[in-house]
Amino acid sequence: MFDLIRFNPRIWFFLGFISCFLMLSVGAYFQFVEEMEPCPLCISQRIAILLTGIVFLIAAIHNPKQCGIKAYSIIGTITALLGACISIRHVWIQNLPADEVPECGPGLEYVFENFPLMDTIKLMFNGSGECADILWTFLGISIPGWTLVAFLGLAALSLLQQWNKPNNL
């Protein structure tokens, strides 16, 4: 089965980077063209996408031997799974009954300017009432749901590099 996916790991890592770039581009489209303001959890997911993309880009540029491939694979899997955890939290908040949704807090810009860094980070990972809003769906799945699917795909792509041993290594 793995013979079908045995390409140069550099290509796989670069494809992972392109996927992250496209995800961030879609997020920018929604924010700047469709004027959908991102909530704290959306921003946290974007940061996780960015970190995963950076790992993939460094791995593609570095073109490591098998030991390095394994290291980048583990780091890429961890960053993608952290992003998946944030997405799961976001989907969970979106599916809470209306009376259990957390209260909306001050805007993120205000929090960055006036709150300590740890309080800001806590807000970004816990979410707020605005994170429960579903502004867009495709096939009945919201943006955080699709982001979860993408993170799981990126984690799988990264993890599969553990067994990807091209003939030239």
C-alpha atoms as a PDB file:
ATOM      1  CA  MET A   1       0.000   0.000   0.000  1.00  0.00           C
ATOM      2  CA  PHE A   2       2.762   2.448   0.919  1.00  0.00           C
ATOM      3  CA  ASP A   3       4.401   1.857  -2.479  1.00  0.00           C
ATOM      4  CA  LEU A   4       1.729   4.094  -4.022  1.00  0.00           C
ATOM      5  CA  ILE A   5       2.749   7.098  -1.928  1.00  0.00           C
ATOM      6  CA  ARG A   6       6.538   6.707  -1.975  1.00  0.00           C
ATOM      7  CA  PHE A   7       7.675   9.936  -3.476  1.00  0.00           C
ATOM      8  CA  ASN A   8      10.526  12.107  -2.453  1.00  0.00           C
ATOM      9  CA  PRO A   9       9.625  13.320   1.082  1.00  0.00           C
ATOM     10  CA  ARG A  10      10.637  16.804  -0.033  1.00  0.00           C
ATOM     11  CA  ILE A  11       7.680  16.797  -2.452  1.00  0.00           C
ATOM     12  CA  TRP A  12       5.255  15.644   0.263  1.00  0.00           C
ATOM     13  CA  PHE A  13       6.460  18.288   2.704  1.00  0.00           C
ATOM     14  CA  PHE A  14       6.184  20.936  -0.020  1.00  0.00           C
ATOM     15  CA  LEU A  15       2.618  19.801  -0.806  1.00  0.00           C
ATOM     16  CA  GLY A  16       1.821  20.120   2.912  1.00  0.00           C
ATOM     17  CA  PHE A  17       3.235  23.661   2.868  1.00  0.00           C
ATOM     18  CA  ILE A  18       1.142  24.544  -0.215  1.00  0.00           C
ATOM     19  CA  SER A  19      -1.955  23.183   1.567  1.00  0.00           C
ATOM     20  CA  CYS A  20      -1.255  25.391   4.594  1.00  0.00           C
ATOM     21  CA  PHE A  21      -0.664  28.396   2.332  1.00  0.00           C
ATOM     22  CA  LEU A  22      -4.004  27.768   0.589  1.00  0.00           C
ATOM     23  CA  MET A  23      -5.802  27.430   3.934  1.00  0.00           C
ATOM     24  CA  LEU A  24      -4.387  30.750   5.117  1.00  0.00           C
ATOM     25  CA  SER A  25      -5.347  32.315   1.783  1.00  0.00           C
ATOM     26  CA  VAL A  26      -8.945  31.128   2.183  1.00  0.00           C
ATOM     27  CA  GLY A  27      -8.973  32.575   5.716  1.00  0.00           C
ATOM     28  CA  ALA A  28      -7.709  35.905   4.354  1.00  0.00           C
ATOM     29  CA  TYR A  29     -10.387  35.802   1.630  1.00  0.00           C
ATOM     30  CA  PHE A  30     -13.134  35.270   4.206  1.00  0.00           C
ATOM     31  CA  GLN A  31     -11.748  38.049   6.398  1.00  0.00           C
ATOM     32  CA  PHE A  32     -10.949  40.725   3.830  1.00  0.00           C
ATOM     33  CA  VAL A  33     -13.302  40.011   0.911  1.00  0.00           C
ATOM     34  CA  GLU A  34     -16.329  38.477   2.632  1.00  0.00           C
ATOM     35  CA  GLU A  35     -15.721  40.689   5.707  1.00  0.00           C
ATOM     36  CA  MET A  36     -16.071  37.853   8.227  1.00  0.00           C
ATOM     37  CA  GLU A  37     -14.187  38.957  11.330  1.00  0.00           C
ATOM     38  CA  PRO A  38     -12.227  36.023  12.835  1.00  0.00           C
ATOM     39  CA  CYS A  39     -12.934  35.034  16.430  1.00  0.00           C
ATOM     40  CA  PRO A  40     -10.160  34.155  18.927  1.00  0.00           C
ATOM     41  CA  LEU A  41     -10.343  30.441  18.095  1.00  0.00           C
ATOM     42  CA  CYS A  42     -10.159  31.216  14.356  1.00  0.00           C
ATOM     43  CA  ILE A  43      -6.986  33.189  14.952  1.00  0.00           C
ATOM     44  CA  SER A  44      -5.568  30.350  17.072  1.00  0.00           C
ATOM     45  CA  GLN A  45      -6.295  27.911  14.243  1.00  0.00           C
ATOM     46  CA  ARG A  46      -4.566  30.228  11.768  1.00  0.00           C
ATOM     47  CA  ILE A  47      -1.490  30.312  14.004  1.00  0.00           C
ATOM     48  CA  ALA A  48      -1.476  26.492  14.110  1.00  0.00           C
ATOM     49  CA  ILE A  49      -1.800  26.367  10.305  1.00  0.00           C
ATOM     50  CA  LEU A  50       1.092  28.824  10.014  1.00  0.00           C
ATOM     51  CA  LEU A  51       3.302  26.786  12.376  1.00  0.00           C
ATOM     52  CA  THR A  52       2.511  23.553  10.544  1.00  0.00           C
ATOM     53  CA  GLY A  53       3.240  25.226   7.211  1.00  0.00           C
ATOM     54  CA  ILE A  54       6.564  26.563   8.487  1.00  0.00           C
ATOM     55  CA  VAL A  55       7.583  23.060   9.622  1.00  0.00           C
ATOM     56  CA  PHE A  56       6.670  21.664   6.204  1.00  0.00           C
ATOM     57  CA  LEU A  57       8.494  24.455   4.362  1.00  0.00           C
ATOM     58  CA  ILE A  58      11.664  24.033   6.421  1.00  0.00           C
ATOM     59  CA  ALA A  59      11.544  20.264   5.844  1.00  0.00           C
ATOM     60  CA  ALA A  60      11.106  20.768   2.094  1.00  0.00           C
ATOM     61  CA  ILE A  61      13.960  23.267   1.871  1.00  0.00           C
ATOM     62  CA  HIS A  62      16.249  21.257   4.168  1.00  0.00           C
ATOM     63  CA  ASN A  63      15.689  17.980   2.275  1.00  0.00           C
ATOM     64  CA  PRO A  64      16.931  15.884   5.218  1.00  0.00           C
ATOM     65  CA  LYS A  65      18.029  12.266   5.338  1.00  0.00           C
ATOM     66  CA  GLN A  66      15.839   9.619   6.989  1.00  0.00           C
ATOM     67  CA  CYS A  67      16.548  10.726  10.590  1.00  0.00           C
ATOM     68  CA  GLY A  68      15.622  14.332   9.749  1.00  0.00           C
ATOM     69  CA  ILE A  69      12.516  13.197   7.871  1.00  0.00           C
ATOM     70  CA  LYS A  70      11.367  11.386  10.998  1.00  0.00           C
ATOM     71  CA  ALA A  71      12.019  14.467  13.174  1.00  0.00           C
ATOM     72  CA  TYR A  72      10.166  16.835  10.832  1.00  0.00           C
ATOM     73  CA  SER A  73       7.382  14.284  10.525  1.00  0.00           C
ATOM     74  CA  ILE A  74       6.901  14.164  14.290  1.00  0.00           C
ATOM     75  CA  ILE A  75       7.010  17.960  14.673  1.00  0.00           C
ATOM     76  CA  GLY A  76       4.593  18.445  11.759  1.00  0.00           C
ATOM     77  CA  THR A  77       2.213  15.849  13.182  1.00  0.00           C
ATOM     78  CA  ILE A  78       2.283  17.500  16.619  1.00  0.00           C
ATOM     79  CA  THR A  79       1.575  21.003  15.263  1.00  0.00           C
ATOM     80  CA  ALA A  80      -1.238  19.692  13.058  1.00  0.00           C
ATOM     81  CA  LEU A  81      -2.793  17.756  15.945  1.00  0.00           C
ATOM     82  CA  LEU A  82      -2.593  20.835  18.189  1.00  0.00           C
ATOM     83  CA  GLY A  83      -4.490  22.713  15.490  1.00  0.00           C
ATOM     84  CA  ALA A  84      -6.999  19.860  15.340  1.00  0.00           C
ATOM     85  CA  CYS A  85      -7.545  20.177  19.104  1.00  0.00           C
ATOM     86  CA  ILE A  86      -8.305  23.882  18.695  1.00  0.00           C
ATOM     87  CA  SER A  87     -10.714  23.064  15.850  1.00  0.00           C
ATOM     88  CA  ILE A  88     -12.453  20.436  17.985  1.00  0.00           C
ATOM     89  CA  ARG A  89     -12.950  23.026  20.730  1.00  0.00           C
ATOM     90  CA  HIS A  90     -14.361  25.472  18.175  1.00  0.00           C
ATOM     91  CA  VAL A  91     -16.774  22.898  16.713  1.00  0.00           C
ATOM     92  CA  TRP A  92     -17.834  21.959  20.246  1.00  0.00           C
ATOM     93  CA  ILE A  93     -18.593  25.612  21.123  1.00  0.00           C
ATOM     94  CA  GLN A  94     -20.574  25.996  17.892  1.00  0.00           C
ATOM     95  CA  ASN A  95     -22.721  23.000  18.835  1.00  0.00           C
ATOM     96  CA  LEU A  96     -23.478  24.061  22.413  1.00  0.00           C
ATOM     97  CA  PRO A  97     -27.079  24.929  23.297  1.00  0.00           C
ATOM     98  CA  ALA A  98     -27.636  28.692  23.214  1.00  0.00           C
ATOM     99  CA  ASP A  99     -27.866  28.974  27.008  1.00  0.00           C
ATOM    100  CA  GLU A 100     -24.462  27.276  27.493  1.00  0.00           C
ATOM    101  CA  VAL A 101     -22.456  29.389  25.035  1.00  0.00           C
ATOM    102  CA  PRO A 102     -19.730  31.423  26.781  1.00  0.00           C
ATOM    103  CA  GLU A 103     -20.319  35.148  27.056  1.00  0.00           C
ATOM    104  CA  CYS A 104     -18.821  37.449  24.476  1.00  0.00           C
ATOM    105  CA  GLY A 105     -15.804  39.275  25.790  1.00  0.00           C
ATOM    106  CA  PRO A 106     -14.120  42.456  24.653  1.00  0.00           C
ATOM    107  CA  GLY A 107     -12.684  42.535  21.166  1.00  0.00           C
ATOM    108  CA  LEU A 108      -9.381  40.797  20.606  1.00  0.00           C
ATOM    109  CA  GLU A 109      -7.648  44.067  19.699  1.00  0.00           C
ATOM    110  CA  TYR A 110      -8.737  45.566  23.035  1.00  0.00           C
ATOM    111  CA  VAL A 111      -7.563  42.441  24.893  1.00  0.00           C
ATOM    112  CA  PHE A 112      -4.136  42.580  23.199  1.00  0.00           C
ATOM    113  CA  GLU A 113      -3.725  46.229  24.180  1.00  0.00           C
ATOM    114  CA  ASN A 114      -5.043  46.100  27.755  1.00  0.00           C
ATOM    115  CA  PHE A 115      -4.695  42.590  29.197  1.00  0.00           C
ATOM    116  CA  PRO A 116      -1.619  40.617  30.276  1.00  0.00           C
ATOM    117  CA  LEU A 117      -0.252  38.214  27.680  1.00  0.00           C
ATOM    118  CA  MET A 118      -1.337  35.078  29.572  1.00  0.00           C
ATOM    119  CA  ASP A 119      -4.953  36.308  29.784  1.00  0.00           C
ATOM    120  CA  THR A 120      -4.901  37.019  26.044  1.00  0.00           C
ATOM    121  CA  ILE A 121      -3.549  33.545  25.257  1.00  0.00           C
ATOM    122  CA  LYS A 122      -6.158  31.963  27.552  1.00  0.00           C
ATOM    123  CA  LEU A 123      -8.937  33.826  25.701  1.00  0.00           C
ATOM    124  CA  MET A 124      -7.526  32.757  22.338  1.00  0.00           C
ATOM    125  CA  PHE A 125      -7.607  29.066  23.306  1.00  0.00           C
ATOM    126  CA  ASN A 126     -10.839  29.065  25.325  1.00  0.00           C
ATOM    127  CA  GLY A 127     -12.902  31.063  22.872  1.00  0.00           C
ATOM    128  CA  SER A 128     -15.814  33.341  23.591  1.00  0.00           C
ATOM    129  CA  GLY A 129     -19.439  33.746  22.599  1.00  0.00           C
ATOM    130  CA  GLU A 130     -18.534  35.068  19.163  1.00  0.00           C
ATOM    131  CA  CYS A 131     -16.853  31.695  18.452  1.00  0.00           C
ATOM    132  CA  ALA A 132     -20.301  30.069  18.493  1.00  0.00           C
ATOM    133  CA  ASP A 133     -21.453  32.023  15.426  1.00  0.00           C
ATOM    134  CA  ILE A 134     -21.640  29.951  12.261  1.00  0.00           C
ATOM    135  CA  LEU A 135     -21.090  32.358   9.396  1.00  0.00           C
ATOM    136  CA  TRP A 136     -20.540  29.909   6.532  1.00  0.00           C
ATOM    137  CA  THR A 137     -21.138  26.227   5.802  1.00  0.00           C
ATOM    138  CA  PHE A 138     -20.415  23.838   2.979  1.00  0.00           C
ATOM    139  CA  LEU A 139     -22.171  20.456   2.910  1.00  0.00           C
ATOM    140  CA  GLY A 140     -23.520  21.270   6.371  1.00  0.00           C
ATOM    141  CA  ILE A 141     -20.031  21.652   7.879  1.00  0.00           C
ATOM    142  CA  SER A 142     -18.792  24.987   9.249  1.00  0.00           C
ATOM    143  CA  ILE A 143     -15.360  26.539   8.700  1.00  0.00           C
ATOM    144  CA  PRO A 144     -13.910  25.058  11.937  1.00  0.00           C
ATOM    145  CA  GLY A 145     -15.227  21.639  10.891  1.00  0.00           C
ATOM    146  CA  TRP A 146     -13.465  21.857   7.534  1.00  0.00           C
ATOM    147  CA  THR A 147     -10.357  23.158   9.268  1.00  0.00           C
ATOM    148  CA  LEU A 148     -10.467  20.088  11.531  1.00  0.00           C
ATOM    149  CA  VAL A 149     -10.642  17.837   8.469  1.00  0.00           C
ATOM    150  CA  ALA A 150      -7.680  19.694   6.948  1.00  0.00           C
ATOM    151  CA  PHE A 151      -5.621  19.428  10.151  1.00  0.00           C
ATOM    152  CA  LEU A 152      -6.264  15.681  10.333  1.00  0.00           C
ATOM    153  CA  GLY A 153      -5.200  15.365   6.688  1.00  0.00           C
ATOM    154  CA  LEU A 154      -2.012  17.354   7.353  1.00  0.00           C
ATOM    155  CA  ALA A 155      -1.256  15.212  10.408  1.00  0.00           C
ATOM    156  CA  ALA A 156      -1.742  12.050   8.338  1.00  0.00           C
ATOM    157  CA  LEU A 157       0.455  13.385   5.526  1.00  0.00           C
ATOM    158  CA  SER A 158       3.163  14.240   8.029  1.00  0.00           C
ATOM    159  CA  LEU A 159       2.890  10.961   9.927  1.00  0.00           C
ATOM    160  CA  LEU A 160       3.051   8.902   6.731  1.00  0.00           C
ATOM    161  CA  GLN A 161       6.543  10.301   6.142  1.00  0.00           C
ATOM    162  CA  GLN A 162       7.698   7.945   8.927  1.00  0.00           C
ATOM    163  CA  TRP A 163       7.312   5.077   6.437  1.00  0.00           C
ATOM    164  CA  ASN A 164       8.234   6.956   3.278  1.00  0.00           C
ATOM    165  CA  LYS A 165      11.685   5.642   2.389  1.00  0.00           C
ATOM    166  CA  PRO A 166      12.530   6.543  -1.185  1.00  0.00           C
ATOM    167  CA  ASN A 167      15.075   4.360  -2.957  1.00  0.00           C
ATOM    168  CA  ASN A 168      17.654   7.142  -3.097  1.00  0.00           C
ATOM    169  CA  LEU A 169      18.100   7.338   0.708  1.00  0.00           C
END
